Amino acid sequence: MNYPPAPWTLKGHGYVTLHLVDFSDAAKVIPKDLEIVQVLPGKTIGGLVLGKYEYGSTLTYGELIAVPGLVRYGDKIGSWISHIYVDNESSIAGGREIWGLPKENAQFFWQPEGGANTSWSGATVKQGDRMLCSLTHSWQVNLPRLSGQFDSYTKLAEELMRFESSAIGNLSLVGSRLEVSRSSPFANILNSQPWMALKADSLEIVVAAPYSIGAKVPMTV
């Protein structure tokens, strides 16, 4: 399978939900080499990233990312990605072979707001007959166009890796309703309504190639 080399540029729109996740639940899917960052006693911050990458992107596809918590290695805080779904085979191959991300295939159903408004109000993600999650939003409060940089950790073979992403977009704080199916692989991690949800329009993300941080992660049986 052919796929573009890193870095990848992704342009489109998306959502981010933030959740308080029990430390014990996060620890089940985060390697022990990484320290889980506690923001409250027994709690870390996790969430979902739901994106639709369109014209001008390295590849065009939908993406759903489940983050069980914030982690630290040395002096660097980042996210751990436990589950990730896309609808593009080249993205699956590149994600697995470049970044070591456990990408799987899924189907994305985006919900337009209707009328003269060409925006969108949410999405449902499925794997065959199984719903993974459904997110809708109601009210929104527009925020300034913002940019930022964030780190993520991943495992490539037995090597622990880190990669950097930068993003810029028009953000809105939104009222959201999230439904995670009981059969979803991340249902035990993100089993509550988000305490904050953001919508991003005119979004541009650049995902850099990963680099080794010098730690080994034992292979699971």
C-alpha atoms as a PDB file:
ATOM      1  CA  MET A   1       0.000   0.000   0.000  1.00  0.00           C
ATOM      2  CA  ASN A   2       1.401   3.383  -1.021  1.00  0.00           C
ATOM      3  CA  TYR A   3       1.144   6.323   1.362  1.00  0.00           C
ATOM      4  CA  PRO A   4       2.786   9.745   1.539  1.00  0.00           C
ATOM      5  CA  PRO A   5       5.844  10.313   3.746  1.00  0.00           C
ATOM      6  CA  ALA A   6       5.641  12.451   6.879  1.00  0.00           C
ATOM      7  CA  PRO A   7       4.881  15.200   7.607  1.00  0.00           C
ATOM      8  CA  TRP A   8       1.183  15.099   6.735  1.00  0.00           C
ATOM      9  CA  THR A   9      -0.895  18.257   6.354  1.00  0.00           C
ATOM     10  CA  LEU A  10      -4.594  17.880   7.168  1.00  0.00           C
ATOM     11  CA  LYS A  11      -7.155  20.577   6.325  1.00  0.00           C
ATOM     12  CA  GLY A  12     -10.831  20.559   7.194  1.00  0.00           C
ATOM     13  CA  HIS A  13     -12.954  20.723  10.314  1.00  0.00           C
ATOM     14  CA  GLY A  14     -13.482  18.753  13.500  1.00  0.00           C
ATOM     15  CA  TYR A  15     -14.452  18.413  17.141  1.00  0.00           C
ATOM     16  CA  VAL A  16     -12.510  17.885  20.345  1.00  0.00           C
ATOM     17  CA  THR A  17     -14.202  16.629  23.521  1.00  0.00           C
ATOM     18  CA  LEU A  18     -12.526  16.699  26.933  1.00  0.00           C
ATOM     19  CA  HIS A  19     -13.356  14.220  29.688  1.00  0.00           C
ATOM     20  CA  LEU A  20     -12.197  13.444  33.202  1.00  0.00           C
ATOM     21  CA  VAL A  21     -11.008   9.823  33.033  1.00  0.00           C
ATOM     22  CA  ASP A  22     -10.428   7.540  36.018  1.00  0.00           C
ATOM     23  CA  PHE A  23      -6.729   6.887  36.525  1.00  0.00           C
ATOM     24  CA  SER A  24      -7.398   3.145  36.862  1.00  0.00           C
ATOM     25  CA  ASP A  25      -9.206   3.003  33.505  1.00  0.00           C
ATOM     26  CA  ALA A  26      -6.504   4.986  31.717  1.00  0.00           C
ATOM     27  CA  ALA A  27      -3.765   2.773  33.179  1.00  0.00           C
ATOM     28  CA  LYS A  28      -5.262  -0.285  31.453  1.00  0.00           C
ATOM     29  CA  VAL A  29      -4.388   1.049  27.989  1.00  0.00           C
ATOM     30  CA  ILE A  30      -1.340   3.276  28.632  1.00  0.00           C
ATOM     31  CA  PRO A  31       2.175   1.738  28.734  1.00  0.00           C
ATOM     32  CA  LYS A  32       3.751   1.637  32.183  1.00  0.00           C
ATOM     33  CA  ASP A  33       6.814   3.508  30.847  1.00  0.00           C
ATOM     34  CA  LEU A  34       4.647   6.626  30.613  1.00  0.00           C
ATOM     35  CA  GLU A  35       3.564   8.521  33.724  1.00  0.00           C
ATOM     36  CA  ILE A  36      -0.146   9.345  33.696  1.00  0.00           C
ATOM     37  CA  VAL A  37      -0.720  13.009  34.522  1.00  0.00           C
ATOM     38  CA  GLN A  38      -3.307  13.442  37.272  1.00  0.00           C
ATOM     39  CA  VAL A  39      -5.239  16.712  37.101  1.00  0.00           C
ATOM     40  CA  LEU A  40      -7.495  15.833  40.061  1.00  0.00           C
ATOM     41  CA  PRO A  41      -7.123  13.043  42.606  1.00  0.00           C
ATOM     42  CA  GLY A  42      -7.499   9.814  40.628  1.00  0.00           C
ATOM     43  CA  LYS A  43      -8.357  11.639  37.396  1.00  0.00           C
ATOM     44  CA  THR A  44      -6.588  12.494  34.149  1.00  0.00           C
ATOM     45  CA  ILE A  45      -7.842  14.301  31.040  1.00  0.00           C
ATOM     46  CA  GLY A  46      -8.853  12.279  27.994  1.00  0.00           C
ATOM     47  CA  GLY A  47     -11.164  12.843  25.089  1.00  0.00           C
ATOM     48  CA  LEU A  48     -12.136  12.299  21.489  1.00  0.00           C
ATOM     49  CA  VAL A  49     -10.881  13.993  18.345  1.00  0.00           C
ATOM     50  CA  LEU A  50     -13.254  13.801  15.374  1.00  0.00           C
ATOM     51  CA  GLY A  51     -11.991  15.244  12.114  1.00  0.00           C
ATOM     52  CA  LYS A  52     -12.907  15.461   8.424  1.00  0.00           C
ATOM     53  CA  TYR A  53      -9.897  16.281   6.248  1.00  0.00           C
ATOM     54  CA  GLU A  54     -10.720  17.608   2.807  1.00  0.00           C
ATOM     55  CA  TYR A  55      -9.229  19.287  -0.278  1.00  0.00           C
ATOM     56  CA  GLY A  56      -5.661  20.492   0.274  1.00  0.00           C
ATOM     57  CA  SER A  57      -4.828  17.679   2.726  1.00  0.00           C
ATOM     58  CA  THR A  58      -2.061  15.144   2.180  1.00  0.00           C
ATOM     59  CA  LEU A  59      -4.876  12.565   2.181  1.00  0.00           C
ATOM     60  CA  THR A  60      -8.631  13.135   2.423  1.00  0.00           C
ATOM     61  CA  TYR A  61     -10.433  11.096   5.090  1.00  0.00           C
ATOM     62  CA  GLY A  62     -12.477  11.073   8.271  1.00  0.00           C
ATOM     63  CA  GLU A  63     -10.776  10.316  11.566  1.00  0.00           C
ATOM     64  CA  LEU A  64     -11.808   9.411  15.099  1.00  0.00           C
ATOM     65  CA  ILE A  65      -9.168   9.376  17.857  1.00  0.00           C
ATOM     66  CA  ALA A  66      -9.689   8.186  21.441  1.00  0.00           C
ATOM     67  CA  VAL A  67      -7.273   9.574  24.022  1.00  0.00           C
ATOM     68  CA  PRO A  68      -7.452   7.873  27.449  1.00  0.00           C
ATOM     69  CA  GLY A  69      -5.266  10.411  29.220  1.00  0.00           C
ATOM     70  CA  LEU A  70      -2.408  12.853  29.420  1.00  0.00           C
ATOM     71  CA  VAL A  71       1.019  11.295  29.914  1.00  0.00           C
ATOM     72  CA  ARG A  72       4.529  12.442  30.724  1.00  0.00           C
ATOM     73  CA  TYR A  73       7.938  11.100  29.780  1.00  0.00           C
ATOM     74  CA  GLY A  74      10.793  13.129  31.198  1.00  0.00           C
ATOM     75  CA  ASP A  75       9.745  16.763  31.036  1.00  0.00           C
ATOM     76  CA  LYS A  76       7.385  16.339  28.043  1.00  0.00           C
ATOM     77  CA  ILE A  77       3.619  16.058  28.505  1.00  0.00           C
ATOM     78  CA  GLY A  78       1.550  14.652  25.661  1.00  0.00           C
ATOM     79  CA  SER A  79      -1.338  12.369  24.810  1.00  0.00           C
ATOM     80  CA  TRP A  80      -1.548   8.619  24.360  1.00  0.00           C
ATOM     81  CA  ILE A  81      -3.772   7.398  21.515  1.00  0.00           C
ATOM     82  CA  SER A  82      -5.402   4.085  22.426  1.00  0.00           C
ATOM     83  CA  HIS A  83      -7.891   3.811  19.526  1.00  0.00           C
ATOM     84  CA  ILE A  84      -7.993   5.480  16.109  1.00  0.00           C
ATOM     85  CA  TYR A  85     -10.311   4.985  13.135  1.00  0.00           C
ATOM     86  CA  VAL A  86     -10.227   6.336   9.573  1.00  0.00           C
ATOM     87  CA  ASP A  87     -11.961   5.671   6.247  1.00  0.00           C
ATOM     88  CA  ASN A  88      -8.922   5.651   3.966  1.00  0.00           C
ATOM     89  CA  GLU A  89      -6.718   2.593   3.406  1.00  0.00           C
ATOM     90  CA  SER A  90      -3.606   4.673   2.661  1.00  0.00           C
ATOM     91  CA  SER A  91      -4.124   6.523   5.947  1.00  0.00           C
ATOM     92  CA  ILE A  92      -4.395   3.195   7.772  1.00  0.00           C
ATOM     93  CA  ALA A  93      -1.150   1.915   6.242  1.00  0.00           C
ATOM     94  CA  GLY A  94       0.760   5.158   6.756  1.00  0.00           C
ATOM     95  CA  GLY A  95      -0.530   5.595  10.288  1.00  0.00           C
ATOM     96  CA  ARG A  96       0.559   2.113  11.273  1.00  0.00           C
ATOM     97  CA  GLU A  97       3.906   2.036   9.482  1.00  0.00           C
ATOM     98  CA  ILE A  98       5.115   5.632  10.002  1.00  0.00           C
ATOM     99  CA  TRP A  99       3.708   6.413  13.459  1.00  0.00           C
ATOM    100  CA  GLY A 100       2.803   2.996  14.879  1.00  0.00           C
ATOM    101  CA  LEU A 101      -0.801   4.132  15.400  1.00  0.00           C
ATOM    102  CA  PRO A 102      -3.400   1.326  15.702  1.00  0.00           C
ATOM    103  CA  LYS A 103      -5.595   2.651  12.879  1.00  0.00           C
ATOM    104  CA  GLU A 104      -8.676   0.674  11.897  1.00  0.00           C
ATOM    105  CA  ASN A 105     -11.279   1.174   9.202  1.00  0.00           C
ATOM    106  CA  ALA A 106     -14.616   2.795  10.057  1.00  0.00           C
ATOM    107  CA  GLN A 107     -17.454   4.634   8.352  1.00  0.00           C
ATOM    108  CA  PHE A 108     -18.221   8.319   9.000  1.00  0.00           C
ATOM    109  CA  PHE A 109     -21.645   9.935   8.637  1.00  0.00           C
ATOM    110  CA  TRP A 110     -21.497  13.733   8.922  1.00  0.00           C
ATOM    111  CA  GLN A 111     -24.677  15.618   9.808  1.00  0.00           C
ATOM    112  CA  PRO A 112     -25.236  18.980   8.056  1.00  0.00           C
ATOM    113  CA  GLU A 113     -27.093  21.723   9.870  1.00  0.00           C
ATOM    114  CA  GLY A 114     -29.464  22.110   6.915  1.00  0.00           C
ATOM    115  CA  GLY A 115     -31.097  25.120   5.367  1.00  0.00           C
ATOM    116  CA  ALA A 116     -28.884  27.765   3.826  1.00  0.00           C
ATOM    117  CA  ASN A 117     -26.158  27.002   6.367  1.00  0.00           C
ATOM    118  CA  THR A 118     -23.507  24.739   4.833  1.00  0.00           C
ATOM    119  CA  SER A 119     -21.951  23.945   8.214  1.00  0.00           C
ATOM    120  CA  TRP A 120     -22.452  20.694  10.142  1.00  0.00           C
ATOM    121  CA  SER A 121     -23.875  19.664  13.478  1.00  0.00           C
ATOM    122  CA  GLY A 122     -22.137  16.397  14.309  1.00  0.00           C
ATOM    123  CA  ALA A 123     -21.209  12.941  13.109  1.00  0.00           C
ATOM    124  CA  THR A 124     -21.766   9.245  13.708  1.00  0.00           C
ATOM    125  CA  VAL A 125     -18.926   6.727  13.367  1.00  0.00           C
ATOM    126  CA  LYS A 126     -19.588   3.024  12.746  1.00  0.00           C
ATOM    127  CA  GLN A 127     -17.679  -0.169  12.103  1.00  0.00           C
ATOM    128  CA  GLY A 128     -20.091  -2.206  10.020  1.00  0.00           C
ATOM    129  CA  ASP A 129     -23.262  -2.624  12.097  1.00  0.00           C
ATOM    130  CA  ARG A 130     -21.573  -1.482  15.324  1.00  0.00           C
ATOM    131  CA  MET A 131     -21.783   2.169  16.281  1.00  0.00           C
ATOM    132  CA  LEU A 132     -18.596   3.474  17.857  1.00  0.00           C
ATOM    133  CA  CYS A 133     -19.921   6.884  18.839  1.00  0.00           C
ATOM    134  CA  SER A 134     -22.239   9.701  17.837  1.00  0.00           C
ATOM    135  CA  LEU A 135     -21.625  13.371  18.574  1.00  0.00           C
ATOM    136  CA  THR A 136     -24.023  16.270  18.047  1.00  0.00           C
ATOM    137  CA  HIS A 137     -23.786  19.893  19.054  1.00  0.00           C
ATOM    138  CA  SER A 138     -26.382  22.590  19.732  1.00  0.00           C
ATOM    139  CA  TRP A 139     -25.358  26.109  20.762  1.00  0.00           C
ATOM    140  CA  GLN A 140     -21.946  27.530  20.007  1.00  0.00           C
ATOM    141  CA  VAL A 141     -19.880  30.513  21.125  1.00  0.00           C
ATOM    142  CA  ASN A 142     -17.243  31.604  18.650  1.00  0.00           C
ATOM    143  CA  LEU A 143     -13.687  32.089  19.880  1.00  0.00           C
ATOM    144  CA  PRO A 144     -10.714  33.791  18.208  1.00  0.00           C
ATOM    145  CA  ARG A 145      -8.678  31.902  15.613  1.00  0.00           C
ATOM    146  CA  LEU A 146      -6.086  30.049  17.652  1.00  0.00           C
ATOM    147  CA  SER A 147      -2.948  28.035  17.022  1.00  0.00           C
ATOM    148  CA  GLY A 148      -0.994  25.595  19.150  1.00  0.00           C
ATOM    149  CA  GLN A 149       1.449  22.714  19.248  1.00  0.00           C
ATOM    150  CA  PHE A 150       1.026  19.409  21.079  1.00  0.00           C
ATOM    151  CA  ASP A 151       2.918  16.153  21.549  1.00  0.00           C
ATOM    152  CA  SER A 152       1.677  12.579  21.280  1.00  0.00           C
ATOM    153  CA  TYR A 153       3.272   9.273  22.219  1.00  0.00           C
ATOM    154  CA  THR A 154       3.032   6.047  20.282  1.00  0.00           C
ATOM    155  CA  LYS A 155       4.625   2.608  19.990  1.00  0.00           C
ATOM    156  CA  LEU A 156       6.422   1.526  16.827  1.00  0.00           C
ATOM    157  CA  ALA A 157       7.370  -2.159  17.111  1.00  0.00           C
ATOM    158  CA  GLU A 158       8.854  -2.216  20.645  1.00  0.00           C
ATOM    159  CA  GLU A 159      10.086   1.373  20.577  1.00  0.00           C
ATOM    160  CA  LEU A 160       8.346   4.208  22.402  1.00  0.00           C
ATOM    161  CA  MET A 161       8.069   7.208  20.084  1.00  0.00           C
ATOM    162  CA  ARG A 162       7.005  10.836  20.314  1.00  0.00           C
ATOM    163  CA  PHE A 163       5.658  13.040  17.537  1.00  0.00           C
ATOM    164  CA  GLU A 164       4.663  16.671  17.337  1.00  0.00           C
ATOM    165  CA  SER A 165       1.582  18.213  15.744  1.00  0.00           C
ATOM    166  CA  SER A 166       0.748  21.846  15.154  1.00  0.00           C
ATOM    167  CA  ALA A 167      -2.765  23.143  14.528  1.00  0.00           C
ATOM    168  CA  ILE A 168      -4.538  26.382  13.686  1.00  0.00           C
ATOM    169  CA  GLY A 169      -8.275  26.877  13.327  1.00  0.00           C
ATOM    170  CA  ASN A 170     -11.403  28.900  14.050  1.00  0.00           C
ATOM    171  CA  LEU A 171     -12.640  27.532  17.363  1.00  0.00           C
ATOM    172  CA  SER A 172     -16.087  27.550  18.937  1.00  0.00           C
ATOM    173  CA  LEU A 173     -17.167  26.382  22.365  1.00  0.00           C
ATOM    174  CA  VAL A 174     -20.218  24.165  21.778  1.00  0.00           C
ATOM    175  CA  GLY A 175     -22.900  22.416  23.733  1.00  0.00           C
ATOM    176  CA  SER A 176     -22.529  18.734  22.886  1.00  0.00           C
ATOM    177  CA  ARG A 177     -24.181  15.366  23.315  1.00  0.00           C
ATOM    178  CA  LEU A 178     -21.959  12.307  23.026  1.00  0.00           C
ATOM    179  CA  GLU A 179     -23.209   8.732  22.755  1.00  0.00           C
ATOM    180  CA  VAL A 180     -20.634   5.938  23.007  1.00  0.00           C
ATOM    181  CA  SER A 181     -21.964   2.475  22.264  1.00  0.00           C
ATOM    182  CA  ARG A 182     -21.521  -0.116  24.993  1.00  0.00           C
ATOM    183  CA  SER A 183     -19.877  -2.338  22.397  1.00  0.00           C
ATOM    184  CA  SER A 184     -17.367   0.362  21.451  1.00  0.00           C
ATOM    185  CA  PRO A 185     -13.757  -0.632  22.273  1.00  0.00           C
ATOM    186  CA  PHE A 186     -13.258   2.629  24.206  1.00  0.00           C
ATOM    187  CA  ALA A 187     -16.613   2.576  26.054  1.00  0.00           C
ATOM    188  CA  ASN A 188     -14.967   1.815  29.411  1.00  0.00           C
ATOM    189  CA  ILE A 189     -12.608   4.772  29.056  1.00  0.00           C
ATOM    190  CA  LEU A 190     -14.820   7.582  27.758  1.00  0.00           C
ATOM    191  CA  ASN A 191     -18.103   6.710  29.437  1.00  0.00           C
ATOM    192  CA  SER A 192     -19.247  10.198  30.460  1.00  0.00           C
ATOM    193  CA  GLN A 193     -20.428  13.376  28.810  1.00  0.00           C
ATOM    194  CA  PRO A 194     -17.587  15.796  28.019  1.00  0.00           C
ATOM    195  CA  TRP A 195     -17.014  18.651  30.421  1.00  0.00           C
ATOM    196  CA  MET A 196     -15.963  20.732  27.430  1.00  0.00           C
ATOM    197  CA  ALA A 197     -16.385  20.405  23.670  1.00  0.00           C
ATOM    198  CA  LEU A 198     -14.830  22.493  20.924  1.00  0.00           C
ATOM    199  CA  LYS A 199     -15.635  22.768  17.235  1.00  0.00           C
ATOM    200  CA  ALA A 200     -12.907  23.772  14.791  1.00  0.00           C
ATOM    201  CA  ASP A 201     -13.489  25.218  11.324  1.00  0.00           C
ATOM    202  CA  SER A 202     -10.899  26.168   8.693  1.00  0.00           C
ATOM    203  CA  LEU A 203      -8.634  23.748  10.519  1.00  0.00           C
ATOM    204  CA  GLU A 204      -5.063  23.003   9.435  1.00  0.00           C
ATOM    205  CA  ILE A 205      -2.933  20.386  11.200  1.00  0.00           C
ATOM    206  CA  VAL A 206       0.649  19.390  10.426  1.00  0.00           C
ATOM    207  CA  VAL A 207       1.711  16.012  11.845  1.00  0.00           C
ATOM    208  CA  ALA A 208       5.466  15.494  11.998  1.00  0.00           C
ATOM    209  CA  ALA A 209       7.363  12.221  11.741  1.00  0.00           C
ATOM    210  CA  PRO A 210       7.924  10.406  15.063  1.00  0.00           C
ATOM    211  CA  TYR A 211      11.247  10.017  16.795  1.00  0.00           C
ATOM    212  CA  SER A 212      12.449   7.521  19.374  1.00  0.00           C
ATOM    213  CA  ILE A 213      12.642   8.586  23.015  1.00  0.00           C
ATOM    214  CA  GLY A 214      14.849   5.640  23.907  1.00  0.00           C
ATOM    215  CA  ALA A 215      12.419   3.426  25.801  1.00  0.00           C
ATOM    216  CA  LYS A 216      11.303  -0.096  24.979  1.00  0.00           C
ATOM    217  CA  VAL A 217       7.676  -1.199  25.262  1.00  0.00           C
ATOM    218  CA  PRO A 218       7.199  -4.943  25.796  1.00  0.00           C
ATOM    219  CA  MET A 219       5.160  -6.656  23.083  1.00  0.00           C
ATOM    220  CA  THR A 220       1.705  -7.754  24.231  1.00  0.00           C
ATOM    221  CA  VAL A 221       0.703 -11.380  23.803  1.00  0.00           C
END
